[in-house]
């Protein structure tokens, strides 16, 4: 999923979809934790980068809207 690009009229559904996307990794990470910890760490780091980029964009847009 690409980083969110906020506009003044961002809809709640898009934000909810992004939260669902992030939460969808929970089961995948739990499985990887038991079976392939190195791959789990790789996925967790990628997810963390995505979340950080989202937060940065939302924070930036929140101050300019």
C-alpha atoms as a PDB file:
ATOM      1  CA  UNK A   1       0.000   0.000   0.000  1.00  0.00           C
ATOM      2  CA  UNK A   2       1.361   3.414  -0.866  1.00  0.00           C
ATOM      3  CA  UNK A   3       1.773   6.136   1.739  1.00  0.00           C
ATOM      4  CA  UNK A   4      -1.364   8.103   2.341  1.00  0.00           C
ATOM      5  CA  UNK A   5      -1.715  11.416   0.522  1.00  0.00           C
ATOM      6  CA  UNK A   6      -4.037  13.527   2.584  1.00  0.00           C
ATOM      7  CA  UNK A   7      -6.245  16.214   1.183  1.00  0.00           C
ATOM      8  CA  UNK A   8      -8.535  18.555   3.021  1.00  0.00           C
ATOM      9  CA  UNK A   9     -11.527  16.270   2.534  1.00  0.00           C
ATOM     10  CA  UNK A  10      -9.911  12.948   3.521  1.00  0.00           C
ATOM     11  CA  UNK A  11     -12.596  10.436   4.235  1.00  0.00           C
ATOM     12  CA  UNK A  12     -12.825   8.301   7.322  1.00  0.00           C
ATOM     13  CA  UNK A  13     -13.114   5.135   5.231  1.00  0.00           C
ATOM     14  CA  UNK A  14      -9.619   5.574   3.810  1.00  0.00           C
ATOM     15  CA  UNK A  15      -8.124   5.931   7.269  1.00  0.00           C
ATOM     16  CA  UNK A  16     -10.072   2.889   8.454  1.00  0.00           C
ATOM     17  CA  UNK A  17      -8.806   0.879   5.465  1.00  0.00           C
ATOM     18  CA  UNK A  18      -5.235   1.781   6.348  1.00  0.00           C
ATOM     19  CA  UNK A  19      -5.695   0.717   9.960  1.00  0.00           C
ATOM     20  CA  UNK A  20      -7.197  -2.597   8.774  1.00  0.00           C
ATOM     21  CA  UNK A  21      -4.222  -3.042   6.430  1.00  0.00           C
ATOM     22  CA  UNK A  22      -1.784  -2.556   9.295  1.00  0.00           C
ATOM     23  CA  UNK A  23      -3.734  -4.855  11.606  1.00  0.00           C
ATOM     24  CA  UNK A  24      -3.877  -7.543   8.903  1.00  0.00           C
ATOM     25  CA  UNK A  25      -0.194  -8.197   9.574  1.00  0.00           C
ATOM     26  CA  UNK A  26      -0.848  -9.436  13.116  1.00  0.00           C
ATOM     27  CA  UNK A  27      -1.592 -13.046  12.160  1.00  0.00           C
ATOM     28  CA  UNK A  28       1.196 -13.123   9.567  1.00  0.00           C
ATOM     29  CA  UNK A  29       3.713 -11.903  12.117  1.00  0.00           C
ATOM     30  CA  UNK A  30       2.540 -14.411  14.733  1.00  0.00           C
ATOM     31  CA  UNK A  31       3.004 -17.270  12.248  1.00  0.00           C
ATOM     32  CA  UNK A  32       6.427 -15.989  11.216  1.00  0.00           C
ATOM     33  CA  UNK A  33       7.423 -15.595  14.860  1.00  0.00           C
ATOM     34  CA  UNK A  34       6.919 -19.334  15.318  1.00  0.00           C
ATOM     35  CA  UNK A  35       8.304 -20.517  11.974  1.00  0.00           C
ATOM     36  CA  UNK A  36      10.791 -17.997  10.566  1.00  0.00           C
ATOM     37  CA  UNK A  37      11.824 -15.301  13.015  1.00  0.00           C
ATOM     38  CA  UNK A  38      14.236 -13.644  10.565  1.00  0.00           C
ATOM     39  CA  UNK A  39      11.503 -13.225   7.969  1.00  0.00           C
ATOM     40  CA  UNK A  40       9.186 -11.986  10.727  1.00  0.00           C
ATOM     41  CA  UNK A  41      11.681  -9.306  11.690  1.00  0.00           C
ATOM     42  CA  UNK A  42      12.008  -8.272   8.038  1.00  0.00           C
ATOM     43  CA  UNK A  43       8.235  -7.960   7.660  1.00  0.00           C
ATOM     44  CA  UNK A  44       7.912  -6.127  10.996  1.00  0.00           C
ATOM     45  CA  UNK A  45      10.575  -3.614   9.958  1.00  0.00           C
ATOM     46  CA  UNK A  46       8.851  -2.994   6.630  1.00  0.00           C
ATOM     47  CA  UNK A  47       5.553  -2.499   8.433  1.00  0.00           C
ATOM     48  CA  UNK A  48       7.195  -0.128  10.894  1.00  0.00           C
ATOM     49  CA  UNK A  49       8.609   1.920   8.011  1.00  0.00           C
ATOM     50  CA  UNK A  50       5.157   2.084   6.432  1.00  0.00           C
ATOM     51  CA  UNK A  51       3.574   3.202   9.711  1.00  0.00           C
ATOM     52  CA  UNK A  52       6.277   5.834  10.243  1.00  0.00           C
ATOM     53  CA  UNK A  53       5.759   7.198   6.718  1.00  0.00           C
ATOM     54  CA  UNK A  54       2.003   7.317   7.283  1.00  0.00           C
ATOM     55  CA  UNK A  55       2.456   9.114  10.598  1.00  0.00           C
ATOM     56  CA  UNK A  56       4.858  11.611   9.066  1.00  0.00           C
ATOM     57  CA  UNK A  57       2.437  12.389   6.223  1.00  0.00           C
ATOM     58  CA  UNK A  58      -0.587  12.701   8.501  1.00  0.00           C
ATOM     59  CA  UNK A  59       1.325  14.931  10.927  1.00  0.00           C
ATOM     60  CA  UNK A  60       2.647  17.096   8.095  1.00  0.00           C
ATOM     61  CA  UNK A  61      -0.779  17.431   6.513  1.00  0.00           C
ATOM     62  CA  UNK A  62      -2.450  18.038   9.847  1.00  0.00           C
ATOM     63  CA  UNK A  63      -0.403  21.181  10.334  1.00  0.00           C
ATOM     64  CA  UNK A  64      -1.097  22.539   6.845  1.00  0.00           C
ATOM     65  CA  UNK A  65      -4.807  21.789   6.478  1.00  0.00           C
END
